[in-house]
Amino acid sequence: QEGVYEVHIQAAQFARYKSAEVEVRHGMQAADLSITVDPGVYVGGVVLNERGDPVANADVELRTASLEDATANTQGNQPNAGGRGGMDFNRMAQGWMRSMSGASVTLKARTDSDGLFIIKHVAAGVFRLTASSDGFTEKRGEPFELTGSRSDFELRLQALASIVGTVSGLVPSDVGE
């Protein structure tokens, strides 16, 4: 069928591949594609709690990001998600456009008993690491450019707080069932 296409290849032991756009038209010479798959690089590190102890079975995500995300979060009164300035709809739209174009990548891993993780077969690009585990707050790292294998990431999770106390001043009819 005529149209403009992209070729996507995903295989175990290799980084994902996405071609440039290829136009297919009746009567046109077929595009000559030569594709070399790449094993990619790896991202590794450790997830620790606030005391420096390893967090076993933590979920780690490597997600496509942009370097602009890092600067937007550090500029004075620039609005950012979760900040006092409100929602940054421009950044949200950019992220949505990346995901809709197929340019968005999310790869996952789980830490071992020593808190170590490794994510293999990653194509070069700009990413952000996120770690989460039951009983801890989520940690979102800053965006970084990945051009080669790295194993120096350290993500520190903070324990969730709890509130202990006694409620007084209620009469039995005020308490719901």
C-alpha atoms as a PDB file:
ATOM      1  CA  GLN A   1       0.000   0.000   0.000  1.00  0.00           C
ATOM      2  CA  GLU A   2       1.295   3.469  -0.843  1.00  0.00           C
ATOM      3  CA  GLY A   3       2.370   5.723   1.979  1.00  0.00           C
ATOM      4  CA  VAL A   4       5.205   6.829   4.215  1.00  0.00           C
ATOM      5  CA  TYR A   5       6.551   4.202   6.573  1.00  0.00           C
ATOM      6  CA  GLU A   6       9.203   3.629   9.215  1.00  0.00           C
ATOM      7  CA  VAL A   7      10.859   0.280   9.796  1.00  0.00           C
ATOM      8  CA  HIS A   8      11.028  -0.790  13.439  1.00  0.00           C
ATOM      9  CA  ILE A   9      13.089  -3.775  14.548  1.00  0.00           C
ATOM     10  CA  GLN A  10      13.140  -5.225  18.032  1.00  0.00           C
ATOM     11  CA  ALA A  11      14.906  -8.452  18.902  1.00  0.00           C
ATOM     12  CA  ALA A  12      16.316 -10.003  22.035  1.00  0.00           C
ATOM     13  CA  GLN A  13      19.988  -9.181  22.586  1.00  0.00           C
ATOM     14  CA  PHE A  14      19.817  -6.020  20.430  1.00  0.00           C
ATOM     15  CA  ALA A  15      18.869  -2.385  20.879  1.00  0.00           C
ATOM     16  CA  ARG A  16      15.649  -1.240  19.230  1.00  0.00           C
ATOM     17  CA  TYR A  17      16.019   0.153  15.725  1.00  0.00           C
ATOM     18  CA  LYS A  18      13.883   2.722  13.913  1.00  0.00           C
ATOM     19  CA  SER A  19      14.619   3.765  10.322  1.00  0.00           C
ATOM     20  CA  ALA A  20      14.145   7.136   8.727  1.00  0.00           C
ATOM     21  CA  GLU A  21      10.867   7.605   6.881  1.00  0.00           C
ATOM     22  CA  VAL A  22      10.569   5.600   3.655  1.00  0.00           C
ATOM     23  CA  GLU A  23       8.116   6.626   0.937  1.00  0.00           C
ATOM     24  CA  VAL A  24       6.357   3.867  -1.008  1.00  0.00           C
ATOM     25  CA  ARG A  25       4.565   4.901  -4.223  1.00  0.00           C
ATOM     26  CA  HIS A  26       3.278   2.923  -7.190  1.00  0.00           C
ATOM     27  CA  GLY A  27       5.791   3.096 -10.023  1.00  0.00           C
ATOM     28  CA  MET A  28       8.627   4.363  -7.763  1.00  0.00           C
ATOM     29  CA  GLN A  29      11.775   2.353  -7.293  1.00  0.00           C
ATOM     30  CA  ALA A  30      11.723   0.499  -3.984  1.00  0.00           C
ATOM     31  CA  ALA A  31      13.767   2.076  -1.217  1.00  0.00           C
ATOM     32  CA  ASP A  32      17.064   0.325  -0.545  1.00  0.00           C
ATOM     33  CA  LEU A  33      17.330  -0.307   3.176  1.00  0.00           C
ATOM     34  CA  SER A  34      20.458  -1.740   4.703  1.00  0.00           C
ATOM     35  CA  ILE A  35      19.993  -2.319   8.425  1.00  0.00           C
ATOM     36  CA  THR A  36      22.678  -3.306  10.877  1.00  0.00           C
ATOM     37  CA  VAL A  37      21.357  -4.206  14.298  1.00  0.00           C
ATOM     38  CA  ASP A  38      23.371  -3.033  17.285  1.00  0.00           C
ATOM     39  CA  PRO A  39      23.685  -4.784  20.652  1.00  0.00           C
ATOM     40  CA  GLY A  40      23.479  -1.350  22.276  1.00  0.00           C
ATOM     41  CA  VAL A  41      24.943  -0.377  25.610  1.00  0.00           C
ATOM     42  CA  TYR A  42      23.934  -1.022  29.198  1.00  0.00           C
ATOM     43  CA  VAL A  43      22.903   1.123  32.144  1.00  0.00           C
ATOM     44  CA  GLY A  44      23.598  -0.154  35.639  1.00  0.00           C
ATOM     45  CA  GLY A  45      23.826   0.988  39.198  1.00  0.00           C
ATOM     46  CA  VAL A  46      22.496   0.557  42.689  1.00  0.00           C
ATOM     47  CA  VAL A  47      19.361   1.541  44.605  1.00  0.00           C
ATOM     48  CA  LEU A  48      19.968   2.452  48.252  1.00  0.00           C
ATOM     49  CA  ASN A  49      17.869   3.722  51.139  1.00  0.00           C
ATOM     50  CA  GLU A  50      18.674   6.946  53.020  1.00  0.00           C
ATOM     51  CA  ARG A  51      21.131   5.080  55.302  1.00  0.00           C
ATOM     52  CA  GLY A  52      23.033   3.643  52.339  1.00  0.00           C
ATOM     53  CA  ASP A  53      21.638   0.122  52.656  1.00  0.00           C
ATOM     54  CA  PRO A  54      20.689  -1.714  49.424  1.00  0.00           C
ATOM     55  CA  VAL A  55      17.016  -1.878  48.470  1.00  0.00           C
ATOM     56  CA  ALA A  56      16.233  -5.345  47.100  1.00  0.00           C
ATOM     57  CA  ASN A  57      13.439  -5.898  44.555  1.00  0.00           C
ATOM     58  CA  ALA A  58      13.118  -2.199  43.689  1.00  0.00           C
ATOM     59  CA  ASP A  59      11.636  -1.409  40.287  1.00  0.00           C
ATOM     60  CA  VAL A  60      13.917   0.642  38.021  1.00  0.00           C
ATOM     61  CA  GLU A  61      12.755   2.305  34.805  1.00  0.00           C
ATOM     62  CA  LEU A  62      14.869   3.850  32.084  1.00  0.00           C
ATOM     63  CA  ARG A  63      12.677   6.230  30.107  1.00  0.00           C
ATOM     64  CA  THR A  64      13.268   8.550  27.177  1.00  0.00           C
ATOM     65  CA  ALA A  65      13.690  12.164  28.298  1.00  0.00           C
ATOM     66  CA  SER A  66      15.113  15.401  26.976  1.00  0.00           C
ATOM     67  CA  LEU A  67      17.951  17.506  28.314  1.00  0.00           C
ATOM     68  CA  GLU A  68      15.530  20.459  28.376  1.00  0.00           C
ATOM     69  CA  ASP A  69      13.668  18.643  31.184  1.00  0.00           C
ATOM     70  CA  ALA A  70      16.688  19.140  33.435  1.00  0.00           C
ATOM     71  CA  THR A  71      17.023  22.874  32.754  1.00  0.00           C
ATOM     72  CA  ALA A  72      13.291  23.521  33.088  1.00  0.00           C
ATOM     73  CA  ASN A  73      13.329  22.063  36.608  1.00  0.00           C
ATOM     74  CA  THR A  74      16.155  24.349  37.753  1.00  0.00           C
ATOM     75  CA  GLN A  75      15.157  27.752  36.343  1.00  0.00           C
ATOM     76  CA  GLY A  76      13.771  30.144  38.932  1.00  0.00           C
ATOM     77  CA  ASN A  77      10.034  30.588  38.526  1.00  0.00           C
ATOM     78  CA  GLN A  78       9.764  28.299  35.529  1.00  0.00           C
ATOM     79  CA  PRO A  79       6.642  26.164  36.015  1.00  0.00           C
ATOM     80  CA  ASN A  80       7.299  22.474  36.415  1.00  0.00           C
ATOM     81  CA  ALA A  81       5.246  19.455  37.307  1.00  0.00           C
ATOM     82  CA  GLY A  82       4.699  19.302  41.022  1.00  0.00           C
ATOM     83  CA  GLY A  83       6.194  22.763  41.585  1.00  0.00           C
ATOM     84  CA  ARG A  84       4.462  25.923  42.788  1.00  0.00           C
ATOM     85  CA  GLY A  85       4.288  27.262  39.237  1.00  0.00           C
ATOM     86  CA  GLY A  86       1.726  24.637  38.214  1.00  0.00           C
ATOM     87  CA  MET A  87       1.771  22.192  35.348  1.00  0.00           C
ATOM     88  CA  ASP A  88       4.206  22.656  32.453  1.00  0.00           C
ATOM     89  CA  PHE A  89       1.879  21.741  29.592  1.00  0.00           C
ATOM     90  CA  ASN A  90       4.551  22.415  26.972  1.00  0.00           C
ATOM     91  CA  ARG A  91       6.842  19.729  28.440  1.00  0.00           C
ATOM     92  CA  MET A  92       3.896  17.367  28.863  1.00  0.00           C
ATOM     93  CA  ALA A  93       2.972  17.854  25.192  1.00  0.00           C
ATOM     94  CA  GLN A  94       6.569  17.234  24.101  1.00  0.00           C
ATOM     95  CA  GLY A  95       6.629  13.969  26.060  1.00  0.00           C
ATOM     96  CA  TRP A  96       3.307  12.926  24.572  1.00  0.00           C
ATOM     97  CA  MET A  97       4.576  13.701  21.048  1.00  0.00           C
ATOM     98  CA  ARG A  98       7.711  11.584  21.676  1.00  0.00           C
ATOM     99  CA  SER A  99       5.582   8.664  22.830  1.00  0.00           C
ATOM    100  CA  MET A 100       3.152   8.960  19.902  1.00  0.00           C
ATOM    101  CA  SER A 101       5.968   9.152  17.347  1.00  0.00           C
ATOM    102  CA  GLY A 102       7.450   5.892  18.578  1.00  0.00           C
ATOM    103  CA  ALA A 103      10.509   7.759  19.800  1.00  0.00           C
ATOM    104  CA  SER A 104       9.683   7.049  23.430  1.00  0.00           C
ATOM    105  CA  VAL A 105      11.470   4.115  25.068  1.00  0.00           C
ATOM    106  CA  THR A 106      10.786   2.557  28.468  1.00  0.00           C
ATOM    107  CA  LEU A 107      12.976  -0.305  29.682  1.00  0.00           C
ATOM    108  CA  LYS A 108      12.611  -1.924  33.100  1.00  0.00           C
ATOM    109  CA  ALA A 109      14.677  -3.898  35.587  1.00  0.00           C
ATOM    110  CA  ARG A 110      14.436  -5.072  39.195  1.00  0.00           C
ATOM    111  CA  THR A 111      17.231  -4.839  41.746  1.00  0.00           C
ATOM    112  CA  ASP A 112      18.852  -7.940  43.199  1.00  0.00           C
ATOM    113  CA  SER A 113      19.496  -8.607  46.908  1.00  0.00           C
ATOM    114  CA  ASP A 114      22.452  -6.163  46.820  1.00  0.00           C
ATOM    115  CA  GLY A 115      20.304  -3.385  45.311  1.00  0.00           C
ATOM    116  CA  LEU A 116      22.083  -3.714  41.946  1.00  0.00           C
ATOM    117  CA  PHE A 117      20.356  -3.362  38.580  1.00  0.00           C
ATOM    118  CA  ILE A 118      21.345  -3.563  34.925  1.00  0.00           C
ATOM    119  CA  ILE A 119      19.370  -2.662  31.820  1.00  0.00           C
ATOM    120  CA  LYS A 120      20.890  -4.083  28.633  1.00  0.00           C
ATOM    121  CA  HIS A 121      20.530  -3.383  24.914  1.00  0.00           C
ATOM    122  CA  VAL A 122      19.889   0.343  25.188  1.00  0.00           C
ATOM    123  CA  ALA A 123      20.351   2.552  22.131  1.00  0.00           C
ATOM    124  CA  ALA A 124      22.210   5.843  22.595  1.00  0.00           C
ATOM    125  CA  GLY A 125      19.973   8.754  23.565  1.00  0.00           C
ATOM    126  CA  VAL A 126      18.754  10.941  26.411  1.00  0.00           C
ATOM    127  CA  PHE A 127      17.128   9.148  29.330  1.00  0.00           C
ATOM    128  CA  ARG A 128      15.957   9.454  32.923  1.00  0.00           C
ATOM    129  CA  LEU A 129      16.136   6.711  35.577  1.00  0.00           C
ATOM    130  CA  THR A 130      13.348   6.220  38.094  1.00  0.00           C
ATOM    131  CA  ALA A 131      13.370   3.835  41.061  1.00  0.00           C
ATOM    132  CA  SER A 132      10.502   2.804  43.324  1.00  0.00           C
ATOM    133  CA  SER A 133       9.823   0.226  45.993  1.00  0.00           C
ATOM    134  CA  ASP A 134       7.111  -0.479  48.569  1.00  0.00           C
ATOM    135  CA  GLY A 135       7.585   1.647  51.682  1.00  0.00           C
ATOM    136  CA  PHE A 136       9.665   4.315  49.878  1.00  0.00           C
ATOM    137  CA  THR A 137       9.090   7.478  47.901  1.00  0.00           C
ATOM    138  CA  GLU A 138       9.814   7.328  44.169  1.00  0.00           C
ATOM    139  CA  LYS A 139      13.187   8.715  43.042  1.00  0.00           C
ATOM    140  CA  ARG A 140      13.389  10.404  39.611  1.00  0.00           C
ATOM    141  CA  GLY A 141      16.926  11.050  38.456  1.00  0.00           C
ATOM    142  CA  GLU A 142      17.963  13.954  36.256  1.00  0.00           C
ATOM    143  CA  PRO A 143      18.023  13.438  32.467  1.00  0.00           C
ATOM    144  CA  PHE A 144      21.385  12.299  31.079  1.00  0.00           C
ATOM    145  CA  GLU A 145      22.859  11.621  27.670  1.00  0.00           C
ATOM    146  CA  LEU A 146      23.882   8.006  27.112  1.00  0.00           C
ATOM    147  CA  THR A 147      26.608   7.472  24.514  1.00  0.00           C
ATOM    148  CA  GLY A 148      28.268   4.400  26.023  1.00  0.00           C
ATOM    149  CA  SER A 149      27.745   1.823  28.761  1.00  0.00           C
ATOM    150  CA  ARG A 150      27.508   3.203  32.308  1.00  0.00           C
ATOM    151  CA  SER A 151      27.312   1.452  35.656  1.00  0.00           C
ATOM    152  CA  ASP A 152      27.772   4.395  38.021  1.00  0.00           C
ATOM    153  CA  PHE A 153      24.173   5.300  38.808  1.00  0.00           C
ATOM    154  CA  GLU A 154      23.082   5.564  42.434  1.00  0.00           C
ATOM    155  CA  LEU A 155      19.438   6.144  43.252  1.00  0.00           C
ATOM    156  CA  ARG A 156      18.546   6.846  46.905  1.00  0.00           C
ATOM    157  CA  LEU A 157      15.029   6.174  48.119  1.00  0.00           C
ATOM    158  CA  GLN A 158      13.549   7.867  51.186  1.00  0.00           C
ATOM    159  CA  ALA A 159      11.379   5.835  53.542  1.00  0.00           C
ATOM    160  CA  LEU A 160       7.740   6.831  53.689  1.00  0.00           C
ATOM    161  CA  ALA A 161       6.726   8.613  56.877  1.00  0.00           C
ATOM    162  CA  SER A 162       4.085   7.382  59.249  1.00  0.00           C
ATOM    163  CA  ILE A 163       1.863   9.196  61.715  1.00  0.00           C
ATOM    164  CA  VAL A 164       1.270   7.773  65.149  1.00  0.00           C
ATOM    165  CA  GLY A 165      -1.145   9.305  67.614  1.00  0.00           C
ATOM    166  CA  THR A 166      -4.504   9.319  69.286  1.00  0.00           C
ATOM    167  CA  VAL A 167      -7.671  10.965  68.040  1.00  0.00           C
ATOM    168  CA  SER A 168      -9.651  12.528  70.843  1.00  0.00           C
ATOM    169  CA  GLY A 169     -12.802  14.590  71.158  1.00  0.00           C
ATOM    170  CA  LEU A 170     -15.039  12.298  69.117  1.00  0.00           C
ATOM    171  CA  VAL A 171     -18.206  10.826  70.505  1.00  0.00           C
ATOM    172  CA  PRO A 172     -19.336   7.354  69.341  1.00  0.00           C
ATOM    173  CA  SER A 173     -22.070   8.833  67.098  1.00  0.00           C
ATOM    174  CA  ASP A 174     -19.391  10.835  65.156  1.00  0.00           C
ATOM    175  CA  VAL A 175     -17.489   7.682  64.194  1.00  0.00           C
ATOM    176  CA  GLY A 176     -18.570   6.040  60.928  1.00  0.00           C
ATOM    177  CA  GLU A 177     -18.964   2.341  60.510  1.00  0.00           C
END
